[in-house]
């Protein structure tokens, strides 16, 4: 997309709870902590 425009690019990122809700399994016991970790990663990605 970047090769086709010099304008800002707008895109959608899933929220941390959406990601956590779609993960299956008993490996991740603390859903709130996992959501906070994803929110930090999503924030970093959005600011790049």
PDB file of N, CA and C in Angstrom:
ATOM      1  N   UNK A   1       0.827  -1.181   0.000  1.00  0.00           N
ATOM      2  CA  UNK A   1       0.000   0.000   0.000  1.00  0.00           C
ATOM      3  C   UNK A   1       0.877   1.253   0.000  1.00  0.00           C
ATOM      4  N   UNK A   2       1.949   1.210   0.779  1.00  0.00           N
ATOM      5  CA  UNK A   2       2.827   2.369   0.886  1.00  0.00           C
ATOM      6  C   UNK A   2       3.402   2.762  -0.481  1.00  0.00           C
ATOM      7  N   UNK A   3       3.629   1.812  -1.359  1.00  0.00           N
ATOM      8  CA  UNK A   3       4.186   2.097  -2.678  1.00  0.00           C
ATOM      9  C   UNK A   3       3.211   2.864  -3.578  1.00  0.00           C
ATOM     10  N   UNK A   4       1.937   2.889  -3.218  1.00  0.00           N
ATOM     11  CA  UNK A   4       0.928   3.503  -4.062  1.00  0.00           C
ATOM     12  C   UNK A   4       0.467   4.876  -3.589  1.00  0.00           C
ATOM     13  N   UNK A   5       0.961   5.345  -2.433  1.00  0.00           N
ATOM     14  CA  UNK A   5       0.497   6.637  -1.922  1.00  0.00           C
ATOM     15  C   UNK A   5       1.535   7.274  -1.007  1.00  0.00           C
ATOM     16  N   UNK A   6       1.458   8.578  -0.927  1.00  0.00           N
ATOM     17  CA  UNK A   6       2.268   9.335   0.040  1.00  0.00           C
ATOM     18  C   UNK A   6       1.420   9.812   1.210  1.00  0.00           C
ATOM     19  N   UNK A   7       0.127   9.521   1.125  1.00  0.00           N
ATOM     20  CA  UNK A   7      -0.804   9.932   2.174  1.00  0.00           C
ATOM     21  C   UNK A   7      -0.719   8.983   3.375  1.00  0.00           C
ATOM     22  N   UNK A   8      -1.293   9.411   4.482  1.00  0.00           N
ATOM     23  CA  UNK A   8      -1.387   8.534   5.645  1.00  0.00           C
ATOM     24  C   UNK A   8      -2.238   7.319   5.292  1.00  0.00           C
ATOM     25  N   UNK A   9      -1.899   6.200   5.855  1.00  0.00           N
ATOM     26  CA  UNK A   9      -2.647   4.963   5.612  1.00  0.00           C
ATOM     27  C   UNK A   9      -3.479   4.651   6.848  1.00  0.00           C
ATOM     28  N   UNK A  10      -4.730   4.378   6.617  1.00  0.00           N
ATOM     29  CA  UNK A  10      -5.648   4.043   7.702  1.00  0.00           C
ATOM     30  C   UNK A  10      -5.975   2.554   7.619  1.00  0.00           C
ATOM     31  N   UNK A  11      -5.892   1.864   8.760  1.00  0.00           N
ATOM     32  CA  UNK A  11      -6.202   0.435   8.778  1.00  0.00           C
ATOM     33  C   UNK A  11      -6.773   0.077  10.143  1.00  0.00           C
ATOM     34  N   UNK A  12      -7.360  -1.069  10.221  1.00  0.00           N
ATOM     35  CA  UNK A  12      -8.011  -1.529  11.448  1.00  0.00           C
ATOM     36  C   UNK A  12      -7.130  -2.559  12.139  1.00  0.00           C
ATOM     37  N   UNK A  13      -6.978  -2.387  13.437  1.00  0.00           N
ATOM     38  CA  UNK A  13      -6.295  -3.383  14.266  1.00  0.00           C
ATOM     39  C   UNK A  13      -7.326  -4.010  15.193  1.00  0.00           C
ATOM     40  N   UNK A  14      -7.260  -5.305  15.410  1.00  0.00           N
ATOM     41  CA  UNK A  14      -8.174  -5.909  16.384  1.00  0.00           C
ATOM     42  C   UNK A  14      -7.786  -5.467  17.788  1.00  0.00           C
ATOM     43  N   UNK A  15      -8.758  -5.385  18.665  1.00  0.00           N
ATOM     44  CA  UNK A  15      -8.476  -5.030  20.044  1.00  0.00           C
ATOM     45  C   UNK A  15      -7.891  -6.208  20.804  1.00  0.00           C
ATOM     46  N   UNK A  16      -7.283  -5.927  21.947  1.00  0.00           N
ATOM     47  CA  UNK A  16      -6.651  -6.999  22.711  1.00  0.00           C
ATOM     48  C   UNK A  16      -7.632  -8.075  23.180  1.00  0.00           C
ATOM     49  N   UNK A  17      -8.835  -7.681  23.564  1.00  0.00           N
ATOM     50  CA  UNK A  17      -9.799  -8.681  24.029  1.00  0.00           C
ATOM     51  C   UNK A  17     -10.298  -9.543  22.871  1.00  0.00           C
ATOM     52  N   UNK A  18     -10.384  -8.971  21.676  1.00  0.00           N
ATOM     53  CA  UNK A  18     -10.767  -9.757  20.502  1.00  0.00           C
ATOM     54  C   UNK A  18      -9.732 -10.842  20.245  1.00  0.00           C
ATOM     55  N   UNK A  19      -8.463 -10.480  20.351  1.00  0.00           N
ATOM     56  CA  UNK A  19      -7.391 -11.453  20.149  1.00  0.00           C
ATOM     57  C   UNK A  19      -7.452 -12.532  21.223  1.00  0.00           C
ATOM     58  N   UNK A  20      -7.594 -12.114  22.477  1.00  0.00           N
ATOM     59  CA  UNK A  20      -7.633 -13.077  23.585  1.00  0.00           C
ATOM     60  C   UNK A  20      -8.843 -13.996  23.452  1.00  0.00           C
ATOM     61  N   UNK A  21      -9.981 -13.434  23.067  1.00  0.00           N
ATOM     62  CA  UNK A  21     -11.201 -14.246  22.941  1.00  0.00           C
ATOM     63  C   UNK A  21     -11.104 -15.294  21.837  1.00  0.00           C
ATOM     64  N   UNK A  22     -10.279 -15.042  20.829  1.00  0.00           N
ATOM     65  CA  UNK A  22     -10.170 -16.004  19.729  1.00  0.00           C
ATOM     66  C   UNK A  22      -9.088 -17.053  19.972  1.00  0.00           C
ATOM     67  N   UNK A  23      -8.317 -16.881  21.028  1.00  0.00           N
ATOM     68  CA  UNK A  23      -7.277 -17.868  21.343  1.00  0.00           C
ATOM     69  C   UNK A  23      -7.901 -18.994  22.151  1.00  0.00           C
ATOM     70  N   UNK A  24      -7.643 -20.191  21.742  1.00  0.00           N
ATOM     71  CA  UNK A  24      -8.203 -21.342  22.434  1.00  0.00           C
ATOM     72  C   UNK A  24      -7.116 -22.032  23.238  1.00  0.00           C
ATOM     73  N   UNK A  25      -7.514 -22.760  24.247  1.00  0.00           N
ATOM     74  CA  UNK A  25      -6.569 -23.563  25.007  1.00  0.00           C
ATOM     75  C   UNK A  25      -6.447 -23.120  26.452  1.00  0.00           C
ATOM     76  N   UNK A  26      -5.850 -23.973  27.248  1.00  0.00           N
ATOM     77  CA  UNK A  26      -5.685 -23.706  28.668  1.00  0.00           C
ATOM     78  C   UNK A  26      -4.287 -23.192  29.001  1.00  0.00           C
ATOM     79  N   UNK A  27      -3.479 -22.953  27.990  1.00  0.00           N
ATOM     80  CA  UNK A  27      -2.103 -22.514  28.232  1.00  0.00           C
ATOM     81  C   UNK A  27      -2.060 -21.138  28.902  1.00  0.00           C
ATOM     82  N   UNK A  28      -2.903 -20.225  28.441  1.00  0.00           N
ATOM     83  CA  UNK A  28      -2.941 -18.866  28.978  1.00  0.00           C
ATOM     84  C   UNK A  28      -4.008 -18.789  30.069  1.00  0.00           C
ATOM     85  N   UNK A  29      -3.578 -18.824  31.308  1.00  0.00           N
ATOM     86  CA  UNK A  29      -4.522 -18.846  32.435  1.00  0.00           C
ATOM     87  C   UNK A  29      -5.053 -17.456  32.777  1.00  0.00           C
ATOM     88  N   UNK A  30      -4.203 -16.417  32.666  1.00  0.00           N
ATOM     89  CA  UNK A  30      -4.575 -15.060  33.073  1.00  0.00           C
ATOM     90  C   UNK A  30      -4.943 -14.235  31.846  1.00  0.00           C
ATOM     91  N   UNK A  31      -6.231 -14.245  31.519  1.00  0.00           N
ATOM     92  CA  UNK A  31      -6.701 -13.551  30.314  1.00  0.00           C
ATOM     93  C   UNK A  31      -6.472 -12.047  30.386  1.00  0.00           C
ATOM     94  N   UNK A  32      -6.627 -11.459  31.553  1.00  0.00           N
ATOM     95  CA  UNK A  32      -6.438 -10.016  31.697  1.00  0.00           C
ATOM     96  C   UNK A  32      -4.980  -9.630  31.440  1.00  0.00           C
ATOM     97  N   UNK A  33      -4.063 -10.387  31.984  1.00  0.00           N
ATOM     98  CA  UNK A  33      -2.633 -10.115  31.767  1.00  0.00           C
ATOM     99  C   UNK A  33      -2.277 -10.291  30.292  1.00  0.00           C
ATOM    100  N   UNK A  34      -2.808 -11.324  29.677  1.00  0.00           N
ATOM    101  CA  UNK A  34      -2.557 -11.572  28.263  1.00  0.00           C
ATOM    102  C   UNK A  34      -3.098 -10.403  27.413  1.00  0.00           C
ATOM    103  N   UNK A  35      -4.277  -9.912  27.753  1.00  0.00           N
ATOM    104  CA  UNK A  35      -4.858  -8.779  27.030  1.00  0.00           C
ATOM    105  C   UNK A  35      -3.997  -7.531  27.187  1.00  0.00           C
ATOM    106  N   UNK A  36      -3.450  -7.321  28.376  1.00  0.00           N
ATOM    107  CA  UNK A  36      -2.575  -6.165  28.586  1.00  0.00           C
ATOM    108  C   UNK A  36      -1.297  -6.290  27.764  1.00  0.00           C
ATOM    109  N   UNK A  37      -0.759  -7.483  27.673  1.00  0.00           N
ATOM    110  CA  UNK A  37       0.438  -7.701  26.854  1.00  0.00           C
ATOM    111  C   UNK A  37       0.133  -7.415  25.380  1.00  0.00           C
ATOM    112  N   UNK A  38      -1.013  -7.894  24.911  1.00  0.00           N
ATOM    113  CA  UNK A  38      -1.396  -7.624  23.528  1.00  0.00           C
ATOM    114  C   UNK A  38      -1.627  -6.132  23.303  1.00  0.00           C
ATOM    115  N   UNK A  39      -2.215  -5.446  24.274  1.00  0.00           N
ATOM    116  CA  UNK A  39      -2.456  -4.017  24.101  1.00  0.00           C
ATOM    117  C   UNK A  39      -1.137  -3.256  23.966  1.00  0.00           C
ATOM    118  N   UNK A  40      -0.114  -3.655  24.698  1.00  0.00           N
ATOM    119  CA  UNK A  40       1.205  -3.018  24.566  1.00  0.00           C
ATOM    120  C   UNK A  40       1.782  -3.267  23.169  1.00  0.00           C
ATOM    121  N   UNK A  41       1.674  -4.501  22.691  1.00  0.00           N
ATOM    122  CA  UNK A  41       2.194  -4.840  21.362  1.00  0.00           C
ATOM    123  C   UNK A  41       1.421  -4.110  20.258  1.00  0.00           C
ATOM    124  N   UNK A  42       0.093  -4.065  20.392  1.00  0.00           N
ATOM    125  CA  UNK A  42      -0.719  -3.365  19.389  1.00  0.00           C
ATOM    126  C   UNK A  42      -0.411  -1.875  19.363  1.00  0.00           C
ATOM    127  N   UNK A  43      -0.194  -1.296  20.538  1.00  0.00           N
ATOM    128  CA  UNK A  43       0.153   0.111  20.640  1.00  0.00           C
ATOM    129  C   UNK A  43       1.478   0.394  19.928  1.00  0.00           C
ATOM    130  N   UNK A  44       2.460  -0.457  20.154  1.00  0.00           N
ATOM    131  CA  UNK A  44       3.753  -0.300  19.487  1.00  0.00           C
ATOM    132  C   UNK A  44       3.603  -0.411  17.971  1.00  0.00           C
ATOM    133  N   UNK A  45       2.831  -1.369  17.531  1.00  0.00           N
ATOM    134  CA  UNK A  45       2.636  -1.575  16.095  1.00  0.00           C
ATOM    135  C   UNK A  45       1.932  -0.383  15.457  1.00  0.00           C
ATOM    136  N   UNK A  46       0.950   0.168  16.143  1.00  0.00           N
ATOM    137  CA  UNK A  46       0.183   1.295  15.600  1.00  0.00           C
ATOM    138  C   UNK A  46       1.034   2.565  15.492  1.00  0.00           C
ATOM    139  N   UNK A  47       2.034   2.690  16.337  1.00  0.00           N
ATOM    140  CA  UNK A  47       2.860   3.894  16.336  1.00  0.00           C
ATOM    141  C   UNK A  47       4.028   3.830  15.357  1.00  0.00           C
ATOM    142  N   UNK A  48       4.231   2.695  14.710  1.00  0.00           N
ATOM    143  CA  UNK A  48       5.364   2.565  13.768  1.00  0.00           C
ATOM    144  C   UNK A  48       5.099   3.332  12.504  1.00  0.00           C
TER     145      UNK A  48
END
